[in-house]
C-alpha atoms as a PDB file:
ATOM      1  CA  MET A   1      30.151  88.994  78.463  1.00  0.00           C
ATOM      2  CA  ARG A   2      29.735  87.451  82.044  1.00  0.00           C
ATOM      3  CA  LEU A   3      26.680  84.654  81.654  1.00  0.00           C
ATOM      4  CA  ASN A   4      25.469  83.477  85.613  1.00  0.00           C
ATOM      5  CA  ILE A   5      24.432  80.499  86.376  1.00  0.00           C
ATOM      6  CA  LYS A   6      20.559  79.833  84.775  1.00  0.00           C
ATOM      7  CA  GLN A   7      21.979  80.611  81.721  1.00  0.00           C
ATOM      8  CA  MET A   8      24.906  78.969  81.177  1.00  0.00           C
ATOM      9  CA  VAL A   9      22.656  75.732  82.952  1.00  0.00           C
ATOM     10  CA  THR A  10      19.983  76.890  80.247  1.00  0.00           C
ATOM     11  CA  SER A  11      22.394  76.574  77.220  1.00  0.00           C
ATOM     12  CA  LEU A  12      24.419  73.822  78.027  1.00  0.00           C
ATOM     13  CA  LEU A  13      20.860  72.239  78.288  1.00  0.00           C
ATOM     14  CA  MET A  14      19.694  74.170  74.367  1.00  0.00           C
ATOM     15  CA  LEU A  15      23.458  72.702  73.210  1.00  0.00           C
ATOM     16  CA  GLY A  16      23.136  69.391  74.192  1.00  0.00           C
ATOM     17  CA  LEU A  17      19.443  69.518  72.269  1.00  0.00           C
ATOM     18  CA  TRP A  18      20.544  70.995  69.047  1.00  0.00           C
ATOM     19  CA  PHE A  19      22.746  68.401  69.007  1.00  0.00           C
ATOM     20  CA  GLY A  20      20.086  66.119  68.827  1.00  0.00           C
ATOM     21  CA  LEU A  21      17.873  68.065  66.271  1.00  0.00           C
ATOM     22  CA  THR A  22      17.337  66.902  62.387  1.00  0.00           C
ATOM     23  CA  ASP A  23      17.633  68.448  59.288  1.00  0.00           C
ATOM     24  CA  SER A  24      14.286  70.047  59.916  1.00  0.00           C
ATOM     25  CA  GLY A  25      15.016  71.454  62.908  1.00  0.00           C
ATOM     26  CA  ALA A  26      12.916  68.866  65.491  1.00  0.00           C
ATOM     27  CA  ALA A  27      14.557  66.520  68.765  1.00  0.00           C
ATOM     28  CA  LEU A  28      13.257  63.075  68.103  1.00  0.00           C
ATOM     29  CA  ALA A  29      12.638  60.415  70.645  1.00  0.00           C
ATOM     30  CA  THR A  30      14.835  58.201  70.442  1.00  0.00           C
ATOM     31  CA  ASN A  31      13.232  55.687  72.366  1.00  0.00           C
ATOM     32  CA  ASP A  32       9.514  54.341  72.988  1.00  0.00           C
ATOM     33  CA  LYS A  33      10.614  56.063  76.921  1.00  0.00           C
ATOM     34  CA  GLN A  34      10.059  59.147  75.381  1.00  0.00           C
ATOM     35  CA  LYS A  35       8.433  58.837  72.726  1.00  0.00           C
ATOM     36  CA  SER A  36       5.367  57.526  74.920  1.00  0.00           C
ATOM     37  CA  ARG A  37       5.777  60.352  77.220  1.00  0.00           C
ATOM     38  CA  ILE A  38       5.381  63.278  74.805  1.00  0.00           C
ATOM     39  CA  GLU A  39       2.752  62.325  73.177  1.00  0.00           C
ATOM     40  CA  THR A  40       1.263  61.740  76.909  1.00  0.00           C
ATOM     41  CA  ALA A  41       1.467  65.277  77.431  1.00  0.00           C
ATOM     42  CA  LEU A  42       0.420  67.226  74.454  1.00  0.00           C
ATOM     43  CA  ALA A  43      -2.324  65.046  74.979  1.00  0.00           C
ATOM     44  CA  ALA A  44      -2.787  66.873  78.405  1.00  0.00           C
ATOM     45  CA  ALA A  45      -2.039  70.619  76.656  1.00  0.00           C
ATOM     46  CA  PRO A  46      -5.153  71.611  75.922  1.00  0.00           C
ATOM     47  CA  LYS A  47      -5.811  71.150  79.696  1.00  0.00           C
ATOM     48  CA  ALA A  48      -3.316  74.160  80.070  1.00  0.00           C
ATOM     49  CA  THR A  49      -3.961  77.413  80.360  1.00  0.00           C
ATOM     50  CA  TRP A  50      -2.619  79.050  78.170  1.00  0.00           C
ATOM     51  CA  ILE A  51      -2.133  82.228  76.120  1.00  0.00           C
ATOM     52  CA  THR A  52      -3.927  82.167  72.946  1.00  0.00           C
ATOM     53  CA  GLN A  53      -2.342  83.646  69.547  1.00  0.00           C
ATOM     54  CA  GLY A  54      -3.789  83.519  66.131  1.00  0.00           C
ATOM     55  CA  GLN A  55      -6.660  82.195  64.683  1.00  0.00           C
ATOM     56  CA  GLY A  56      -4.739  79.352  62.056  1.00  0.00           C
ATOM     57  CA  ARG A  57      -5.623  75.424  62.944  1.00  0.00           C
ATOM     58  CA  HIS A  58      -1.903  74.264  63.219  1.00  0.00           C
ATOM     59  CA  GLU A  59      -1.989  74.171  66.902  1.00  0.00           C
ATOM     60  CA  LEU A  60       1.506  74.877  68.507  1.00  0.00           C
ATOM     61  CA  TYR A  61       1.484  74.415  72.206  1.00  0.00           C
ATOM     62  CA  VAL A  62       5.164  77.253  73.844  1.00  0.00           C
ATOM     63  CA  PHE A  63       5.694  76.478  77.473  1.00  0.00           C
ATOM     64  CA  PHE A  64       7.682  79.511  78.554  1.00  0.00           C
ATOM     65  CA  ASP A  65       9.106  81.983  81.651  1.00  0.00           C
ATOM     66  CA  PRO A  66       8.701  85.678  82.386  1.00  0.00           C
ATOM     67  CA  ASN A  67      12.398  85.612  82.566  1.00  0.00           C
ATOM     68  CA  CYS A  68      13.240  83.235  80.279  1.00  0.00           C
ATOM     69  CA  THR A  69      16.457  84.074  77.680  1.00  0.00           C
ATOM     70  CA  TYR A  70      15.733  82.747  75.081  1.00  0.00           C
ATOM     71  CA  CYS A  71      12.176  83.125  74.864  1.00  0.00           C
ATOM     72  CA  PRO A  72      11.826  86.400  73.651  1.00  0.00           C
ATOM     73  CA  LEU A  73      13.459  85.196  70.903  1.00  0.00           C
ATOM     74  CA  LEU A  74      11.898  82.832  69.779  1.00  0.00           C
ATOM     75  CA  TYR A  75       8.474  85.329  69.930  1.00  0.00           C
ATOM     76  CA  LYS A  76      10.095  87.468  67.727  1.00  0.00           C
ATOM     77  CA  ASN A  77      10.795  84.904  65.171  1.00  0.00           C
ATOM     78  CA  LEU A  78       7.267  83.271  64.977  1.00  0.00           C
ATOM     79  CA  GLN A  79       5.241  87.171  64.485  1.00  0.00           C
ATOM     80  CA  PRO A  80       6.265  86.518  60.956  1.00  0.00           C
ATOM     81  CA  LEU A  81       5.236  83.376  60.321  1.00  0.00           C
ATOM     82  CA  ILE A  82       1.431  83.060  62.626  1.00  0.00           C
ATOM     83  CA  VAL A  83      -0.316  83.570  59.355  1.00  0.00           C
ATOM     84  CA  PRO A  84       1.426  82.437  56.273  1.00  0.00           C
ATOM     85  CA  TYR A  85       2.044  79.418  58.539  1.00  0.00           C
ATOM     86  CA  GLY A  86      -1.652  79.581  59.343  1.00  0.00           C
ATOM     87  CA  LEU A  87      -0.752  79.138  63.369  1.00  0.00           C
ATOM     88  CA  GLN A  88      -2.604  79.126  66.854  1.00  0.00           C
ATOM     89  CA  LEU A  89       0.081  79.517  68.928  1.00  0.00           C
ATOM     90  CA  ARG A  90      -0.875  78.625  72.650  1.00  0.00           C
ATOM     91  CA  TRP A  91       1.391  80.477  75.472  1.00  0.00           C
ATOM     92  CA  ILE A  92       1.453  77.856  78.307  1.00  0.00           C
ATOM     93  CA  PRO A  93       3.532  80.197  81.224  1.00  0.00           C
ATOM     94  CA  VAL A  94       5.576  78.488  83.944  1.00  0.00           C
ATOM     95  CA  ALA A  95       7.188  79.323  87.048  1.00  0.00           C
ATOM     96  CA  MET A  96      11.321  78.395  86.670  1.00  0.00           C
ATOM     97  CA  LEU A  97      13.413  79.736  86.445  1.00  0.00           C
ATOM     98  CA  ASP A  98      13.528  82.806  88.897  1.00  0.00           C
ATOM     99  CA  ALA A  99      12.049  84.028  92.317  1.00  0.00           C
ATOM    100  CA  THR A 100      10.428  86.875  90.420  1.00  0.00           C
ATOM    101  CA  SER A 101       9.440  84.427  87.092  1.00  0.00           C
ATOM    102  CA  LEU A 102       5.912  83.739  89.870  1.00  0.00           C
ATOM    103  CA  GLY A 103       4.849  86.784  89.876  1.00  0.00           C
ATOM    104  CA  LYS A 104       5.776  88.077  86.848  1.00  0.00           C
ATOM    105  CA  ALA A 105       3.659  85.404  85.637  1.00  0.00           C
ATOM    106  CA  ALA A 106       0.700  86.392  87.263  1.00  0.00           C
ATOM    107  CA  ALA A 107       1.091  89.634  86.082  1.00  0.00           C
ATOM    108  CA  ILE A 108       0.459  88.192  82.970  1.00  0.00           C
ATOM    109  CA  MET A 109      -2.418  86.053  83.374  1.00  0.00           C
ATOM    110  CA  GLN A 110      -4.507  87.595  85.970  1.00  0.00           C
ATOM    111  CA  ALA A 111      -4.498  90.738  83.581  1.00  0.00           C
ATOM    112  CA  LYS A 112      -7.034  92.440  81.928  1.00  0.00           C
ATOM    113  CA  ASP A 113      -5.654  91.889  78.113  1.00  0.00           C
ATOM    114  CA  PRO A 114      -2.858  88.504  78.943  1.00  0.00           C
ATOM    115  CA  LYS A 115      -1.814  88.854  75.404  1.00  0.00           C
ATOM    116  CA  ALA A 116      -1.078  92.161  75.431  1.00  0.00           C
ATOM    117  CA  ALA A 117       0.803  92.199  79.102  1.00  0.00           C
ATOM    118  CA  LEU A 118       2.238  88.935  77.121  1.00  0.00           C
ATOM    119  CA  ASP A 119       3.626  90.709  74.235  1.00  0.00           C
ATOM    120  CA  TYR A 120       5.225  93.590  76.196  1.00  0.00           C
ATOM    121  CA  ASN A 121       6.435  90.605  78.363  1.00  0.00           C
ATOM    122  CA  GLU A 122       8.090  89.564  75.659  1.00  0.00           C
ATOM    123  CA  ALA A 123       8.981  92.609  73.421  1.00  0.00           C
ATOM    124  CA  HIS A 124      10.928  94.427  76.278  1.00  0.00           C
ATOM    125  CA  TYR A 125      12.786  91.815  78.039  1.00  0.00           C
ATOM    126  CA  ASN A 126      15.962  93.340  79.916  1.00  0.00           C
ATOM    127  CA  THR A 127      18.895  91.708  78.341  1.00  0.00           C
ATOM    128  CA  GLY A 128      20.945  93.470  81.323  1.00  0.00           C
ATOM    129  CA  SER A 129      19.344  91.625  84.070  1.00  0.00           C
ATOM    130  CA  TYR A 130      18.468  89.016  82.556  1.00  0.00           C
ATOM    131  CA  ALA A 131      14.666  89.738  83.054  1.00  0.00           C
ATOM    132  CA  GLY A 132      11.165  90.136  82.225  1.00  0.00           C
ATOM    133  CA  SER A 133      10.633  93.744  82.217  1.00  0.00           C
ATOM    134  CA  ILE A 134       5.972  93.156  83.491  1.00  0.00           C
ATOM    135  CA  ALA A 135       5.717  94.651  87.295  1.00  0.00           C
ATOM    136  CA  GLU A 136       5.604  90.859  89.358  1.00  0.00           C
ATOM    137  CA  ASP A 137       1.862  90.552  90.876  1.00  0.00           C
ATOM    138  CA  ILE A 138       0.979  88.841  93.488  1.00  0.00           C
ATOM    139  CA  PRO A 139      -1.199  85.134  92.461  1.00  0.00           C
ATOM    140  CA  THR A 140      -4.180  84.264  93.268  1.00  0.00           C
ATOM    141  CA  GLY A 141      -3.825  80.246  94.440  1.00  0.00           C
ATOM    142  CA  GLY A 142      -6.367  80.002  90.761  1.00  0.00           C
ATOM    143  CA  THR A 143      -3.810  81.589  89.204  1.00  0.00           C
ATOM    144  CA  GLU A 144      -0.186  80.214  91.433  1.00  0.00           C
ATOM    145  CA  ALA A 145      -2.008  75.962  91.101  1.00  0.00           C
ATOM    146  CA  ARG A 146      -2.625  76.911  87.066  1.00  0.00           C
ATOM    147  CA  LEU A 147       0.729  77.982  87.091  1.00  0.00           C
ATOM    148  CA  ARG A 148       1.963  74.068  89.427  1.00  0.00           C
ATOM    149  CA  ALA A 149      -0.030  72.040  86.710  1.00  0.00           C
ATOM    150  CA  ASN A 150       1.484  74.584  83.525  1.00  0.00           C
ATOM    151  CA  GLU A 151       4.920  72.783  85.113  1.00  0.00           C
ATOM    152  CA  ALA A 152       3.809  69.996  85.861  1.00  0.00           C
ATOM    153  CA  LEU A 153       2.842  69.268  82.745  1.00  0.00           C
ATOM    154  CA  LEU A 154       6.426  70.299  81.235  1.00  0.00           C
ATOM    155  CA  ASN A 155       8.370  68.104  83.320  1.00  0.00           C
ATOM    156  CA  GLN A 156       6.594  65.145  81.537  1.00  0.00           C
ATOM    157  CA  VAL A 157       8.206  65.932  78.240  1.00  0.00           C
ATOM    158  CA  GLY A 158      11.308  65.333  79.835  1.00  0.00           C
ATOM    159  CA  ILE A 159      13.583  67.953  80.074  1.00  0.00           C
ATOM    160  CA  PRO A 160      11.510  70.978  81.872  1.00  0.00           C
ATOM    161  CA  VAL A 161      13.629  73.998  79.697  1.00  0.00           C
ATOM    162  CA  VAL A 162      11.840  77.129  77.780  1.00  0.00           C
ATOM    163  CA  PRO A 163      11.313  77.447  75.606  1.00  0.00           C
ATOM    164  CA  THR A 164       9.855  74.398  74.371  1.00  0.00           C
ATOM    165  CA  MET A 165       7.162  73.713  71.426  1.00  0.00           C
ATOM    166  CA  LEU A 166       4.689  70.285  71.541  1.00  0.00           C
ATOM    167  CA  PHE A 167       2.822  69.458  68.375  1.00  0.00           C
ATOM    168  CA  HIS A 168       1.329  66.755  65.867  1.00  0.00           C
ATOM    169  CA  ALA A 169       3.511  66.518  63.154  1.00  0.00           C
ATOM    170  CA  LYS A 170       1.314  66.163  59.557  1.00  0.00           C
ATOM    171  CA  SER A 171       3.067  62.365  59.800  1.00  0.00           C
ATOM    172  CA  GLY A 172       0.578  62.521  64.053  1.00  0.00           C
ATOM    173  CA  GLU A 173       3.287  61.913  65.194  1.00  0.00           C
ATOM    174  CA  ALA A 174       3.944  63.820  68.606  1.00  0.00           C
ATOM    175  CA  MET A 175       6.998  65.938  68.706  1.00  0.00           C
ATOM    176  CA  VAL A 176       8.561  68.325  70.395  1.00  0.00           C
ATOM    177  CA  ILE A 177      11.869  71.483  69.884  1.00  0.00           C
ATOM    178  CA  GLN A 178      13.244  72.745  73.059  1.00  0.00           C
ATOM    179  CA  GLY A 179      15.140  76.225  72.732  1.00  0.00           C
ATOM    180  CA  ALA A 180      14.486  79.288  70.566  1.00  0.00           C
ATOM    181  CA  LEU A 181      15.041  78.028  66.485  1.00  0.00           C
ATOM    182  CA  SER A 182      16.540  80.408  63.849  1.00  0.00           C
ATOM    183  CA  PRO A 183      14.000  81.730  61.195  1.00  0.00           C
ATOM    184  CA  ILE A 184      15.167  79.337  58.490  1.00  0.00           C
ATOM    185  CA  ALA A 185      15.176  76.110  61.228  1.00  0.00           C
ATOM    186  CA  LEU A 186      11.810  77.341  62.750  1.00  0.00           C
ATOM    187  CA  ARG A 187      10.593  77.247  59.375  1.00  0.00           C
ATOM    188  CA  LYS A 188      11.709  73.881  57.830  1.00  0.00           C
ATOM    189  CA  VAL A 189       9.853  72.875  61.569  1.00  0.00           C
ATOM    190  CA  LEU A 190       6.694  74.376  60.558  1.00  0.00           C
ATOM    191  CA  ASP A 191       6.854  72.952  57.966  1.00  0.00           C
ATOM    192  CA  ARG A 192       5.833  69.759  59.708  1.00  0.00           C
ATOM    193  CA  VAL A 193       2.488  71.330  61.454  1.00  0.00           C
ATOM    194  CA  ARG A 194       0.033  69.379  61.282  1.00  0.00           C
END
């Protein structure tokens, strides 16, 4: 199996983050500066541009890039958990991994049905070319500005990697999870969502 540079960097970041996970799968901020960054990002997340999935009362913000290798896995693993966990997923598109990311993110955001466009991209991810399968679109100025604002929000977390999940824990603490988790680890994390 051959990995390109983008995949190797993403894998190394995820490996580093994985070793920082607690037994529940949640990455805990280890200092006040990290906690502050996560709290600031989570407080700003409602102002981001997102695609809503689910009607639950537990809000989970998920940053994704249409060309992200691990995002389709997280997307797939979250689907059967939306109703049982009462989730409202807020998929926040960014365009940072590839030259085609901007056009693909624009295609999702500018679609008549952005949720259907997101579903299509994640369900038909091209593992051979490591790319989302939605056709690129030319972003409007407004779409590009919203994508850049979403990316700036992701940068506030500290390590801009996709997928990244932000949520409030039942304790009230702002939490961040980066990378795709196994279904079991994902359930443990979701048990903590407020």
